[in-house]
Structure formats: structure tokens, C-alpha cells
């Protein structure tokens, strides 16, 4: 996979999509949260478009 540096950090159009799940181990006091995210950013300049996936996961504890 080739890495390339973007010429600017401003985009004309940005779309983010997120899907997450909670698994309750002990009600809301102990739960596992995880999610998948897809990002799509488009610019007028050729080659400046960005799209990528991300995964977030964690344990949440409260009392």
C-alpha cells in the first residue's frame, strides 16, 4: 500500500458512518462497547480524496 501526503486538510464533502454495539456484563455498571467507523472525504483536487475504516473497542466501568 502506498502512502501519500495530502496537499490540504480541508475537504468539500465529508461523510462518517458509525455502527456500534454494547454488551452488558453487569448492567450499565460493567459493559463492553465496540464500534466500526467508515470515513469518506472528497476534495476537488485530484488525488486528495480520503476513505478509511476504524475500529473502537473498550470496557466501561461505573459505580
N, C-alpha and C. Protein backbone atom coordinates (compact mmCIF):
# COMPACT_ATOMS: atom_id res chain seq x y z
N UNK A 1 0.84 -1.17 0.00
CA UNK A 1 0.00 0.00 0.00
C UNK A 1 0.88 1.24 0.00
N UNK A 2 0.60 2.16 -0.86
CA UNK A 2 1.39 3.37 -0.99
C UNK A 2 0.80 4.47 -0.12
N UNK A 3 1.66 5.12 0.68
CA UNK A 3 1.21 6.25 1.48
C UNK A 3 1.48 7.53 0.70
N UNK A 4 0.53 8.46 0.76
CA UNK A 4 0.74 9.74 0.10
C UNK A 4 0.32 10.87 1.02
N UNK A 5 1.00 11.97 0.93
CA UNK A 5 0.70 13.13 1.75
C UNK A 5 -0.38 13.96 1.07
N UNK A 6 -1.38 14.35 1.82
CA UNK A 6 -2.45 15.18 1.27
C UNK A 6 -1.99 16.62 1.19
N UNK A 7 -2.43 17.32 0.17
CA UNK A 7 -1.98 18.69 -0.02
C UNK A 7 -2.72 19.68 0.86
N UNK A 8 -3.90 19.32 1.36
CA UNK A 8 -4.63 20.22 2.25
C UNK A 8 -5.45 19.40 3.22
N UNK A 9 -5.87 20.04 4.31
CA UNK A 9 -6.68 19.33 5.30
C UNK A 9 -8.14 19.76 5.22
N UNK A 10 -8.51 20.55 4.21
CA UNK A 10 -9.90 20.98 4.04
C UNK A 10 -10.52 20.20 2.90
N UNK A 11 -11.74 19.72 3.14
CA UNK A 11 -12.44 18.93 2.14
C UNK A 11 -13.77 19.56 1.80
N UNK A 12 -14.23 19.32 0.60
CA UNK A 12 -15.52 19.83 0.15
C UNK A 12 -16.67 19.03 0.74
N UNK A 13 -16.49 17.73 0.89
CA UNK A 13 -17.55 16.85 1.36
C UNK A 13 -16.97 15.77 2.26
N UNK A 14 -17.56 15.62 3.46
CA UNK A 14 -17.10 14.59 4.40
C UNK A 14 -18.32 13.81 4.89
N UNK A 15 -18.20 12.48 4.88
CA UNK A 15 -19.26 11.61 5.37
C UNK A 15 -18.65 10.60 6.33
N UNK A 16 -19.25 10.46 7.51
CA UNK A 16 -18.82 9.49 8.51
C UNK A 16 -19.99 8.57 8.83
N UNK A 17 -19.72 7.27 8.87
CA UNK A 17 -20.74 6.28 9.20
C UNK A 17 -20.22 5.45 10.36
N UNK A 18 -21.07 5.23 11.37
CA UNK A 18 -20.65 4.53 12.58
C UNK A 18 -21.71 3.51 12.99
N UNK A 19 -21.27 2.32 13.35
CA UNK A 19 -22.14 1.28 13.85
C UNK A 19 -21.51 0.72 15.12
N UNK A 20 -22.25 0.78 16.23
CA UNK A 20 -21.70 0.34 17.50
C UNK A 20 -22.63 -0.61 18.24
N UNK A 21 -22.02 -1.39 19.12
CA UNK A 21 -22.76 -2.36 19.94
C UNK A 21 -22.31 -2.27 21.39
N UNK A 22 -23.24 -2.54 22.30
CA UNK A 22 -22.94 -2.65 23.73
C UNK A 22 -23.25 -4.08 24.17
N UNK A 23 -22.36 -4.66 24.96
CA UNK A 23 -22.61 -5.96 25.57
C UNK A 23 -22.56 -5.75 27.08
N UNK A 24 -23.70 -5.91 27.73
CA UNK A 24 -23.82 -5.64 29.15
C UNK A 24 -23.39 -6.86 29.96
N UNK A 25 -22.29 -6.72 30.71
CA UNK A 25 -21.78 -7.80 31.54
C UNK A 25 -22.43 -7.77 32.93
N UNK A 26 -22.68 -6.56 33.45
CA UNK A 26 -23.30 -6.37 34.76
C UNK A 26 -24.15 -5.11 34.70
N UNK A 27 -25.15 -5.12 33.83
CA UNK A 27 -25.98 -3.94 33.62
C UNK A 27 -25.16 -2.80 33.04
N UNK A 28 -25.52 -1.56 33.43
CA UNK A 28 -24.76 -0.40 32.95
C UNK A 28 -23.49 -0.18 33.77
N UNK A 29 -23.30 -0.97 34.83
CA UNK A 29 -22.11 -0.80 35.66
C UNK A 29 -20.86 -1.40 35.04
N UNK A 30 -21.01 -2.42 34.20
CA UNK A 30 -19.87 -3.03 33.52
C UNK A 30 -20.33 -3.48 32.14
N UNK A 31 -19.79 -2.84 31.12
CA UNK A 31 -20.19 -3.20 29.76
C UNK A 31 -19.02 -3.06 28.80
N UNK A 32 -19.11 -3.82 27.73
CA UNK A 32 -18.11 -3.79 26.66
C UNK A 32 -18.74 -3.05 25.50
N UNK A 33 -18.08 -2.02 25.01
CA UNK A 33 -18.57 -1.21 23.90
C UNK A 33 -17.60 -1.32 22.73
N UNK A 34 -18.13 -1.54 21.54
CA UNK A 34 -17.29 -1.64 20.35
C UNK A 34 -18.01 -1.05 19.16
N UNK A 35 -17.27 -0.56 18.20
CA UNK A 35 -17.88 0.04 17.02
C UNK A 35 -16.94 0.06 15.83
N UNK A 36 -17.55 0.17 14.66
CA UNK A 36 -16.82 0.25 13.39
C UNK A 36 -17.22 1.56 12.71
N UNK A 37 -16.24 2.28 12.17
CA UNK A 37 -16.48 3.57 11.54
C UNK A 37 -15.88 3.59 10.14
N UNK A 38 -16.61 4.21 9.21
CA UNK A 38 -16.10 4.40 7.85
C UNK A 38 -16.12 5.89 7.55
N UNK A 39 -15.01 6.44 7.05
CA UNK A 39 -14.88 7.85 6.74
C UNK A 39 -14.63 8.03 5.25
N UNK A 40 -15.30 8.99 4.67
CA UNK A 40 -15.14 9.31 3.26
C UNK A 40 -15.08 10.83 3.11
N UNK A 41 -13.96 11.33 2.60
CA UNK A 41 -13.77 12.77 2.39
C UNK A 41 -13.38 13.00 0.94
N UNK A 42 -14.05 13.95 0.31
CA UNK A 42 -13.79 14.24 -1.10
C UNK A 42 -13.42 15.70 -1.27
N UNK A 43 -12.48 15.93 -2.19
CA UNK A 43 -12.00 17.27 -2.49
C UNK A 43 -12.01 17.45 -4.00
N UNK A 44 -11.99 18.70 -4.43
CA UNK A 44 -11.98 18.99 -5.86
C UNK A 44 -10.65 18.62 -6.52
N UNK A 45 -9.56 18.71 -5.77
CA UNK A 45 -8.23 18.41 -6.34
C UNK A 45 -8.10 16.90 -6.56
N UNK A 46 -7.59 16.50 -7.70
CA UNK A 46 -7.42 15.06 -7.96
C UNK A 46 -6.39 14.45 -7.01
N UNK A 47 -6.68 13.26 -6.51
CA UNK A 47 -5.77 12.57 -5.62
C UNK A 47 -5.85 12.98 -4.16
N UNK A 48 -6.73 13.92 -3.82
CA UNK A 48 -6.86 14.39 -2.44
C UNK A 48 -8.00 13.72 -1.69
N UNK A 49 -8.65 12.74 -2.28
CA UNK A 49 -9.75 12.06 -1.61
C UNK A 49 -9.21 11.14 -0.52
N UNK A 50 -10.02 10.91 0.51
CA UNK A 50 -9.63 10.02 1.60
C UNK A 50 -10.81 9.13 1.95
N UNK A 51 -10.54 7.85 2.15
CA UNK A 51 -11.53 6.95 2.72
C UNK A 51 -10.78 5.95 3.60
N UNK A 52 -11.41 5.60 4.72
CA UNK A 52 -10.74 4.70 5.63
C UNK A 52 -11.69 4.12 6.66
N UNK A 53 -11.25 3.04 7.28
CA UNK A 53 -12.02 2.33 8.29
C UNK A 53 -11.34 2.50 9.65
N UNK A 54 -12.15 2.45 10.71
CA UNK A 54 -11.63 2.49 12.06
C UNK A 54 -12.44 1.59 12.98
N UNK A 55 -11.78 1.05 13.98
CA UNK A 55 -12.43 0.19 14.97
C UNK A 55 -12.13 0.74 16.35
N UNK A 56 -13.17 0.87 17.18
CA UNK A 56 -13.03 1.33 18.54
C UNK A 56 -13.65 0.28 19.46
N UNK A 57 -12.94 -0.02 20.55
CA UNK A 57 -13.44 -1.02 21.49
C UNK A 57 -12.96 -0.66 22.89
N UNK A 58 -13.80 -0.93 23.89
CA UNK A 58 -13.38 -0.64 25.24
C UNK A 58 -14.34 -1.20 26.28
N UNK A 59 -13.84 -1.27 27.51
CA UNK A 59 -14.63 -1.70 28.65
C UNK A 59 -15.01 -0.45 29.46
N UNK A 60 -16.28 -0.35 29.82
CA UNK A 60 -16.74 0.79 30.60
C UNK A 60 -17.16 0.30 31.98
N UNK A 61 -16.63 0.94 33.01
CA UNK A 61 -16.90 0.58 34.39
C UNK A 61 -17.42 1.80 35.12
N UNK A 62 -18.50 1.65 35.84
CA UNK A 62 -19.03 2.76 36.64
C UNK A 62 -19.65 2.20 37.92
N UNK A 63 -19.71 3.03 38.96
CA UNK A 63 -20.33 2.60 40.22
C UNK A 63 -20.99 3.76 40.91
